Protein backbone atom coordinates (compact mmCIF):
# COMPACT_ATOMS: atom_id res chain seq x y z
CA MET A 1 -18.24 12.04 -6.59
CA ALA A 2 -20.08 8.95 -6.21
CA SER A 3 -21.71 8.81 -9.35
CA VAL A 4 -18.62 9.51 -10.81
CA VAL A 5 -17.06 6.49 -9.46
CA TRP A 6 -20.57 4.68 -10.12
CA ARG A 7 -20.05 5.64 -13.79
CA ALA A 8 -16.54 4.24 -13.56
CA ALA A 9 -17.43 0.60 -12.36
CA PRO A 10 -16.83 -1.10 -15.92
CA ILE A 11 -13.68 0.57 -16.02
CA VAL A 12 -12.99 -0.85 -12.63
CA THR A 13 -14.63 -4.54 -13.87
CA GLN A 14 -11.80 -4.17 -16.58
CA THR A 15 -8.92 -3.39 -14.36
CA VAL A 16 -9.75 -6.35 -12.25
CA ARG A 17 -10.09 -8.86 -15.10
CA GLN A 18 -6.89 -7.22 -16.07
CA PHE A 19 -5.17 -8.25 -13.09
CA SER A 20 -7.13 -11.63 -12.26
CA GLY A 21 -4.94 -15.05 -12.76
CA GLY A 22 -1.82 -12.88 -13.84
CA ARG A 23 2.17 -12.87 -12.77
CA THR A 24 1.57 -9.48 -10.76
CA LEU A 25 -1.46 -10.57 -8.90
CA ARG A 26 0.73 -14.11 -7.50
CA LEU A 27 3.30 -11.47 -7.27
CA VAL A 28 1.40 -9.28 -5.23
CA TRP A 29 0.08 -12.04 -3.00
CA ALA A 30 3.50 -13.60 -2.28
CA LEU A 31 4.70 -10.48 -1.05
CA SER A 32 2.02 -9.75 1.51
CA LEU A 33 2.33 -13.28 2.76
CA LEU A 34 6.00 -13.25 2.92
CA PRO A 35 6.18 -11.87 6.64
CA ALA A 36 3.89 -14.64 7.54
CA ILE A 37 6.72 -17.07 6.54
CA PHE A 38 9.12 -14.93 8.73
CA ALA A 39 6.55 -15.60 11.61
CA ALA A 40 6.76 -18.97 11.18
CA ILE A 41 10.40 -18.67 11.51
CA TYR A 42 10.18 -16.78 14.81
CA LEU A 43 8.14 -19.70 16.05
CA LEU A 44 11.37 -21.90 16.06
CA ARG A 45 13.47 -19.32 18.21
CA PRO A 46 10.81 -16.82 19.79
CA GLY A 47 13.51 -15.63 22.32
CA ASP A 48 12.87 -12.94 24.58
CA VAL A 49 11.21 -11.24 22.20
CA SER A 50 7.06 -11.14 22.82
CA PRO A 51 4.53 -11.92 19.63
CA THR A 52 3.44 -8.30 19.98
CA GLU A 53 6.88 -6.60 19.79
CA PHE A 54 7.66 -8.89 16.65
CA LEU A 55 4.44 -8.13 14.83
CA THR A 56 4.63 -4.43 15.59
CA THR A 57 8.93 -4.28 14.37
CA THR A 58 8.01 -6.63 11.59
CA TYR A 59 5.32 -4.04 10.44
CA GLN A 60 7.51 -1.30 11.01
CA GLU A 61 10.86 -2.36 9.18
CA LEU A 62 9.70 -4.68 6.78
CA ILE A 63 6.22 -4.50 5.82
CA VAL A 64 5.82 -0.72 5.79
CA PRO A 65 9.44 0.83 4.19
CA THR A 66 9.78 -1.92 1.28
CA LEU A 67 6.79 -5.00 0.95
CA LEU A 68 3.79 -3.20 1.08
CA PRO A 69 5.01 -0.35 -1.42
CA ILE A 70 6.42 -3.06 -3.78
CA ALA A 71 3.30 -5.20 -4.09
CA VAL A 72 1.23 -1.54 -4.45
CA LEU A 73 3.50 -0.48 -6.89
CA LEU A 74 3.27 -3.58 -9.30
CA LEU A 75 -0.26 -2.62 -9.16
CA ALA A 76 -0.29 1.04 -9.79
CA THR A 77 1.91 1.46 -12.24
CA ALA A 78 0.51 -1.64 -14.22
CA ALA A 79 -3.06 -0.47 -14.33
CA PHE A 80 -2.00 1.98 -17.21
CA GLY A 81 0.78 0.97 -17.87
CA ASN A 82 -0.09 -2.31 -19.59
CA GLU A 83 -2.85 -0.29 -21.71
CA LEU A 84 0.08 1.95 -22.97
CA ASP A 85 2.44 -1.51 -23.91
CA ASP A 86 -1.07 -2.95 -25.53
CA ARG A 87 -1.94 0.27 -27.32
CA THR A 88 -5.18 -0.16 -25.85
CA LEU A 89 -5.66 2.99 -23.65
CA LEU A 90 -6.25 5.02 -27.15
CA TYR A 91 -9.68 2.75 -27.64
CA LEU A 92 -10.77 3.64 -23.97
CA THR A 93 -9.95 7.26 -24.27
CA LEU A 94 -11.52 7.34 -27.98
CA LYS A 95 -14.98 6.15 -25.76
CA PRO A 96 -17.60 8.96 -24.40
CA VAL A 97 -15.97 8.60 -20.92
CA SER A 98 -14.51 11.39 -18.97
CA ARG A 99 -10.77 11.43 -18.45
CA LEU A 100 -11.41 11.77 -14.25
CA ARG A 101 -13.98 8.38 -14.45
CA ILE A 102 -10.96 6.56 -15.87
CA VAL A 103 -8.25 7.45 -13.56
CA LEU A 104 -10.84 6.80 -10.89
CA GLY A 105 -11.62 3.47 -12.21
CA LYS A 106 -8.17 2.39 -12.71
CA PHE A 107 -7.66 3.80 -9.40
CA VAL A 108 -10.65 1.63 -7.30
CA GLY A 109 -9.60 -1.34 -9.76
CA THR A 110 -5.90 -1.63 -8.16
CA LEU A 111 -7.54 -1.30 -4.42
CA LEU A 112 -9.75 -3.69 -4.93
CA VAL A 113 -7.26 -5.86 -6.33
CA GLY A 114 -4.31 -5.04 -3.82
CA LEU A 115 -6.21 -4.70 -0.47
CA PRO A 116 -7.15 -8.08 0.24
CA ALA A 117 -3.74 -9.22 -0.57
CA VAL A 118 -2.57 -6.48 2.04
CA LEU A 119 -4.67 -6.96 4.86
CA VAL A 120 -5.01 -10.91 4.31
CA GLY A 121 -1.16 -10.67 4.46
CA LEU A 122 -1.18 -8.88 8.05
CA VAL A 123 -3.79 -10.94 9.76
CA ALA A 124 -2.17 -14.01 8.29
CA THR A 125 1.12 -12.91 9.82
CA ALA A 126 -0.55 -11.61 12.90
CA LEU A 127 -2.34 -15.14 13.43
CA VAL A 128 0.95 -17.01 12.92
CA THR A 129 2.77 -14.71 15.52
CA SER A 130 -0.15 -15.36 18.12
CA ILE A 131 1.17 -19.09 18.43
CA GLY A 132 4.07 -17.39 19.70
CA SER A 133 2.02 -16.60 23.02
CA GLY A 134 2.40 -19.90 24.07
CA LEU A 135 5.71 -20.77 23.37
CA THR A 136 7.12 -17.68 24.87
CA GLY A 137 4.58 -17.73 28.11
CA ALA A 138 2.75 -15.17 27.42
CA GLY A 139 -0.70 -16.58 27.08
CA GLY A 140 -2.29 -13.50 27.12
CA ASP A 141 -0.38 -11.62 24.13
CA TRP A 142 -3.22 -12.28 21.59
CA GLY A 143 -5.42 -10.01 23.43
CA ALA A 144 -2.75 -7.17 23.55
CA MET A 145 -2.08 -8.01 19.68
CA GLN A 146 -6.08 -7.35 18.52
CA PRO A 147 -5.49 -3.24 18.81
CA VAL A 148 -2.13 -3.31 17.23
CA LEU A 149 -3.66 -5.49 14.38
CA LEU A 150 -6.34 -2.88 14.10
CA ALA A 151 -4.30 -0.04 13.68
CA MET A 152 -1.62 -1.73 11.39
CA LEU A 153 -4.77 -2.59 8.87
CA GLY A 154 -5.81 0.69 9.43
CA SER A 155 -2.70 2.35 8.48
CA ALA A 156 -1.99 -0.50 5.60
CA ALA A 157 -5.07 0.45 3.79
CA ALA A 158 -4.32 4.40 3.90
CA GLY A 159 -0.82 3.28 2.66
CA THR A 160 -2.08 1.20 -0.31
CA ALA A 161 -4.76 4.34 -1.52
CA LEU A 162 -1.61 6.54 -1.04
CA ILE A 163 0.87 4.60 -2.89
CA ALA A 164 -1.81 3.41 -5.53
CA ALA A 165 -2.87 6.96 -6.36
CA VAL A 166 0.68 8.21 -6.42
CA PHE A 167 1.95 5.93 -8.69
CA LEU A 168 -1.09 5.90 -11.14
CA ALA A 169 0.11 9.41 -11.66
CA VAL A 170 3.70 8.27 -12.23
CA SER A 171 3.03 6.20 -14.55
CA LEU A 172 1.59 8.33 -16.82
CA ILE A 173 4.60 10.57 -16.60
CA VAL A 174 7.40 8.73 -16.28
CA PRO A 175 8.72 6.15 -18.71
CA ARG A 176 9.49 2.69 -16.83
CA ALA A 177 7.56 3.96 -13.85
CA LEU A 178 8.11 0.56 -12.00
CA LEU A 179 11.89 0.99 -11.96
CA VAL A 180 11.78 4.50 -10.63
CA GLY A 181 9.40 3.45 -8.02
CA ILE A 182 11.62 0.44 -7.12
CA ILE A 183 14.93 2.93 -6.70
CA TYR A 184 12.34 5.33 -4.66
CA ILE A 185 11.43 2.94 -2.41
CA PHE A 186 14.62 1.50 -1.75
CA ILE A 187 16.75 4.96 -1.64
CA TRP A 188 13.96 7.18 -0.30
CA GLU A 189 11.77 5.10 1.67
CA SER A 190 14.06 2.17 3.37
CA LEU A 191 16.99 3.71 3.02
CA LEU A 192 17.18 8.01 3.61
CA GLY A 193 13.53 7.52 4.91
CA ARG A 194 14.76 6.13 8.07
CA PHE A 195 17.97 8.31 8.59
CA LEU A 196 17.34 12.00 7.66
CA PRO A 197 14.71 13.96 9.52
CA GLY A 198 13.88 16.07 6.56
CA ILE A 199 12.94 13.63 4.13
CA ARG A 200 11.86 11.26 6.61
CA ASN A 201 8.70 13.72 7.11
CA LEU A 202 7.96 13.62 3.31
CA SER A 203 7.99 9.71 3.15
CA ILE A 204 4.99 7.51 2.78
CA ARG A 205 6.38 5.38 5.07
CA HIS A 206 6.42 8.56 7.75
CA TYR A 207 2.70 8.81 7.34
CA MET A 208 1.90 5.31 7.57
CA LEU A 209 3.80 4.83 10.88
CA SER A 210 2.15 8.03 12.22
CA ILE A 211 -1.49 6.89 11.57
CA PHE A 212 -0.23 3.29 12.72
CA SER A 213 0.75 5.23 16.20
CA GLY A 214 -2.43 7.68 16.23
CA LEU A 215 -4.59 4.32 15.97
CA THR A 216 -3.39 2.59 18.90
CA ASP A 217 -2.20 3.28 22.44
CA SER A 218 0.68 0.41 22.21
CA PRO A 219 3.99 1.72 23.57
CA LEU A 220 5.75 -0.17 20.74
CA ALA A 221 4.09 2.26 18.05
CA ALA A 222 4.79 5.45 19.06
CA PHE A 223 7.90 7.17 17.57
CA SER A 224 9.43 10.54 18.17
CA GLY A 225 8.44 13.12 15.61
CA ALA A 226 4.93 11.63 14.68
CA THR A 227 2.41 13.56 12.89
CA PRO A 228 -1.11 13.65 14.57
CA LEU A 229 -3.54 11.22 13.65
CA ARG A 230 -5.71 13.67 12.10
CA GLU A 231 -3.33 15.14 10.17
CA ALA A 232 -1.56 12.16 8.71
CA LEU A 233 -4.95 11.24 7.53
CA ILE A 234 -5.98 14.55 6.31
CA THR A 235 -2.29 14.64 4.23
CA VAL A 236 -2.91 11.58 2.90
CA ALA A 237 -6.39 12.20 1.69
CA ALA A 238 -5.19 15.42 -0.06
CA VAL A 239 -1.95 14.05 -1.85
CA CYS A 240 -4.84 11.21 -3.20
CA VAL A 241 -6.73 13.90 -4.93
CA VAL A 242 -3.97 15.87 -6.15
CA ALA A 243 -2.54 12.62 -7.76
CA ILE A 244 -5.82 12.00 -8.92
CA ALA A 245 -5.90 15.33 -10.63
CA VAL A 246 -2.49 15.21 -11.68
CA ALA A 247 -3.06 11.89 -13.73
CA THR A 248 -6.25 13.07 -14.98
CA LEU A 249 -4.43 16.11 -16.56
CA ARG A 250 -1.89 14.25 -17.92
CA LEU A 251 -4.14 11.66 -19.50
CA ARG A 252 -5.95 14.38 -21.52
CA SER A 253 -2.87 16.04 -22.54
CA MET A 254 -1.36 12.61 -23.86
CA GLN A 255 -1.07 12.01 -27.87
CA LEU A 256 -1.95 8.61 -27.81
CA SER A 257 -2.55 8.08 -31.42
C-alpha cells in the first residue's frame, strides 16, 4: 500500500496545485475559521457558560454536523468533478497509471488541502475561546480545554478522511454530487441524524462524536448510544477502504472518450 501511495505522488501534487489559490480553497478556509468568529462573539457575553462548555457545544452542534462536512465536501467533489468538467480526466486515465493510484492520489491530495484548514480552524477557535477563562473567572479552564481540543483534532481528522473518501466515490457516480452532498448534510446529518436513533447510528456525525467522546474523559463529550472508540475507528477505516474501492471500480468502468 505504501508503494502505491508513493507512486501516486504526482497525482497528489497535481490535486494540491488544482486547489491552491482557488475559490474553493478560500471558501474551505472561511468555513473552517467561522467558529473562531463565533468564539469572539462569545467573549462579549460569556454569561454562565464556561469556555470548555462553549467549545465542546460548538464542535458538537455546529462544526461536526454542518461546517466540517461542507468544507470537506467542496474539496472531495471538486477533486474529480473539475477533471470531469474540463474533460481532462480522460488524459489522466490514458497514462500508464492504475485507477487505484489515481483515486488514492486524489484522496491524499484532498486530505493535504482540507486537513490543515480544518485543524487550524479548531485550534484558532480554542485559542479565542480560552480568552474567556479570564472573563468568566475560570482561570484554569485552558488546562481543561487542552485534552478536549486534542480529542476534537483526532475526531475531525477521522471525519475529514471519511467524508473525503465517501464523496470522492459519490462524485464519480452521481451527477451534481455537490448538490447531492449538501442535501445529504442538511437533511440526513444535521436534521434527521439528530433525532432518529436508527439514522443517527448510520451518520458520519455519530462516528465523529463517538471518536471525540472516546478520546477524552470530559463529561461534556459523553452522549448516550456512543459507539466504542475502537469500533468507531474500525468502522471509519472500513468505510474509507470500501469507498476508495468503489471509486476505483467506477473509474475503471467509466466511458470518458
